[in-house]
Protein backbone atom coordinates (compact mmCIF):
# COMPACT_ATOMS: atom_id res chain seq x y z
CA MET A 1 -9.88 -11.68 5.49
CA PRO A 2 -7.53 -13.75 3.20
CA LYS A 3 -9.59 -14.85 -0.21
CA SER A 4 -11.00 -18.08 -0.40
CA GLN A 5 -9.80 -20.57 -2.73
CA SER A 6 -12.77 -20.92 -5.11
CA THR A 7 -13.14 -16.82 -5.30
CA ALA A 8 -9.28 -17.14 -6.21
CA SER A 9 -10.02 -20.04 -8.58
CA LEU A 10 -12.72 -17.35 -10.28
CA GLU A 11 -10.28 -14.80 -10.83
CA GLN A 12 -8.04 -17.07 -12.42
CA GLU A 13 -10.91 -18.08 -14.59
CA ILE A 14 -12.04 -15.11 -15.51
CA VAL A 15 -8.22 -13.88 -16.57
CA ARG A 16 -7.83 -17.00 -18.33
CA MET A 17 -10.77 -16.72 -20.18
CA LYS A 18 -10.64 -12.62 -21.45
CA SER A 19 -6.95 -13.56 -22.94
CA ASP A 20 -8.74 -16.33 -24.74
CA LEU A 21 -11.55 -13.39 -25.97
CA VAL A 22 -8.76 -11.38 -27.03
CA GLN A 23 -7.27 -14.20 -28.87
CA MET A 24 -10.69 -15.23 -30.91
CA SER A 25 -11.15 -11.56 -31.31
CA ARG A 26 -7.40 -11.32 -33.26
CA SER A 27 -8.38 -14.94 -34.93
CA ARG A 28 -11.66 -13.49 -36.35
CA ASN A 29 -10.13 -9.92 -37.70
CA LEU A 30 -7.37 -11.78 -39.25
CA ALA A 31 -9.76 -14.19 -41.21
CA LEU A 32 -11.77 -11.57 -42.27
CA ARG A 33 -8.89 -9.52 -43.15
CA GLU A 34 -7.74 -12.42 -45.61
CA GLY A 35 -11.34 -12.37 -46.98
CA HIS A 36 -12.58 -15.54 -44.91
CA ARG A 37 -16.07 -14.49 -44.26
CA ASP A 38 -17.71 -18.03 -43.35
CA GLU A 39 -14.75 -18.73 -41.01
CA GLY A 40 -14.77 -14.79 -39.37
CA GLN A 41 -18.86 -15.31 -39.10
CA ARG A 42 -18.53 -18.81 -37.40
CA GLN A 43 -15.74 -16.88 -34.98
CA HIS A 44 -18.03 -14.20 -34.30
CA LEU A 45 -20.47 -16.57 -33.32
CA SER A 46 -17.94 -18.93 -31.38
CA ALA A 47 -16.44 -15.82 -29.22
CA LEU A 48 -20.17 -14.51 -28.68
CA GLU A 49 -20.76 -18.09 -26.83
CA ALA A 50 -17.31 -17.71 -25.15
CA GLU A 51 -18.66 -14.14 -23.78
CA LEU A 52 -21.74 -15.73 -22.37
CA LYS A 53 -19.72 -17.87 -20.50
CA HIS A 54 -17.61 -15.49 -19.78
CA VAL A 55 -20.67 -13.86 -18.00
CA GLY A 56 -21.57 -16.94 -16.29
CA THR A 57 -18.53 -17.09 -14.11
CA LEU A 58 -18.81 -12.96 -13.45
CA ALA A 59 -21.71 -14.14 -11.85
CA ARG A 60 -20.47 -16.87 -10.17
CA TYR A 61 -18.00 -14.45 -8.70
CA VAL A 62 -20.27 -11.69 -7.78
CA GLN A 63 -22.13 -14.52 -5.93
CA THR A 64 -19.53 -14.92 -3.50
CA ALA A 65 -19.77 -11.81 -2.04
CA SER A 66 -23.80 -11.10 -3.41
CA PRO A 67 -25.85 -14.52 -3.89
CA ALA A 68 -29.13 -12.44 -5.12
CA ALA A 69 -26.51 -10.30 -7.63
CA GLY A 70 -24.66 -13.38 -8.66
CA ARG A 71 -28.18 -15.19 -9.05
CA GLU A 72 -29.77 -11.98 -11.12
CA LEU A 73 -26.73 -12.17 -13.19
CA ALA A 74 -26.73 -15.96 -14.04
CA THR A 75 -30.84 -15.85 -14.65
CA ARG A 76 -30.27 -13.04 -17.15
CA GLN A 77 -27.11 -14.83 -18.70
CA SER A 78 -29.46 -17.88 -18.86
CA LEU A 79 -31.68 -16.06 -20.79
CA ALA A 80 -29.60 -14.44 -22.91
CA SER A 81 -27.86 -17.94 -24.01
CA ARG A 82 -31.26 -19.07 -25.20
CA HIS A 83 -31.92 -15.99 -27.22
CA PHE A 84 -28.96 -16.69 -28.73
CA GLN A 85 -29.01 -20.34 -29.39
CA LYS A 86 -32.56 -19.32 -31.47
CA LEU A 87 -30.85 -16.51 -33.26
CA LYS A 88 -27.61 -18.34 -33.85
CA ALA A 89 -30.35 -21.37 -35.40
CA SER A 90 -31.84 -18.57 -37.43
CA GLY A 91 -28.69 -17.34 -38.93
CA ASN A 92 -30.60 -13.86 -39.82
CA PRO A 93 -26.68 -11.77 -38.68
CA ARG A 94 -28.95 -8.85 -39.03
CA GLU A 95 -30.93 -10.12 -35.50
CA VAL A 96 -27.17 -11.27 -34.01
CA SER A 97 -25.84 -8.01 -34.17
CA SER A 98 -29.20 -6.64 -32.76
CA TRP A 99 -29.13 -8.77 -29.96
CA VAL A 100 -25.24 -7.91 -29.24
CA THR A 101 -25.82 -4.19 -28.83
CA GLU A 102 -29.67 -4.50 -26.92
CA GLU A 103 -28.96 -7.66 -25.18
CA LEU A 104 -25.42 -8.99 -24.74
CA ALA A 105 -23.26 -5.63 -24.48
CA PRO A 106 -25.38 -4.43 -21.46
CA LEU A 107 -25.21 -7.81 -19.41
CA LEU A 108 -21.26 -7.86 -20.15
CA ASN A 109 -21.40 -4.28 -18.61
CA LYS A 110 -23.37 -5.29 -15.66
CA SER A 111 -21.73 -7.98 -15.10
CA GLU A 112 -17.75 -6.88 -15.29
CA GLN A 113 -19.23 -4.06 -13.30
CA ALA A 114 -20.24 -6.04 -10.47
CA ALA A 115 -17.45 -8.04 -10.57
CA HIS A 116 -14.42 -5.34 -10.29
CA LEU A 117 -16.95 -3.70 -7.42
CA VAL A 118 -16.63 -6.99 -5.66
CA ALA A 119 -12.70 -6.98 -6.02
CA SER A 120 -12.36 -3.50 -5.27
CA LEU A 121 -14.10 -4.52 -1.62
CA SER A 122 -12.13 -7.71 -1.56
CA SER A 123 -9.08 -5.67 -1.42
CA ARG A 124 -10.21 -3.12 1.05
CA GLU A 125 -11.44 -5.90 3.20
CA ASP A 126 -7.83 -7.33 2.98
CA GLY A 127 -6.53 -3.83 3.86
CA LEU A 128 -4.66 -3.39 0.97
CA PRO A 129 -5.95 0.03 -1.90
CA ALA A 130 -8.14 -0.77 -4.27
CA LYS A 131 -6.84 -0.95 -7.83
CA PRO A 132 -7.53 -2.09 -11.36
CA THR A 133 -8.46 -5.98 -11.58
CA ALA A 134 -6.21 -8.46 -13.39
CA TRP A 135 -8.96 -8.89 -15.77
CA LYS A 136 -9.64 -4.71 -16.43
CA THR A 137 -6.19 -3.90 -16.88
CA ARG A 138 -4.95 -4.01 -20.39
CA PRO A 139 -1.38 -3.66 -21.86
CA ASP A 140 -1.09 -0.66 -24.18
CA ARG A 141 -0.39 -2.04 -28.17
């Protein structure tokens, strides 16, 4: 069964978002190396917001194969976004760091794993061998 246009579009969006996240990380690291702590912090918060949007895109992708699993991820993403907005308003970097470790990272990992599973199953349905998805493959530095 060939991929639907919406599924292919979501895959392209995932690849674009991953590329944007890499660029955001590089910009943040550069700002911090140059001693621009405020700019580095601002870019860090922007990157966290982008990660939350990325989770939402992954949830929509997962939902193409499993509506229930996609809805669960979308619900968790929505709750994490609300919590992040409160933390962002508080301005406490330690609380944000704790939230990243305890809430965002596990949610992002679960979302990536579910999306990879969907992509692998989709490849097998198409008669292709399962291979790493475009957003999981990173060039060597």
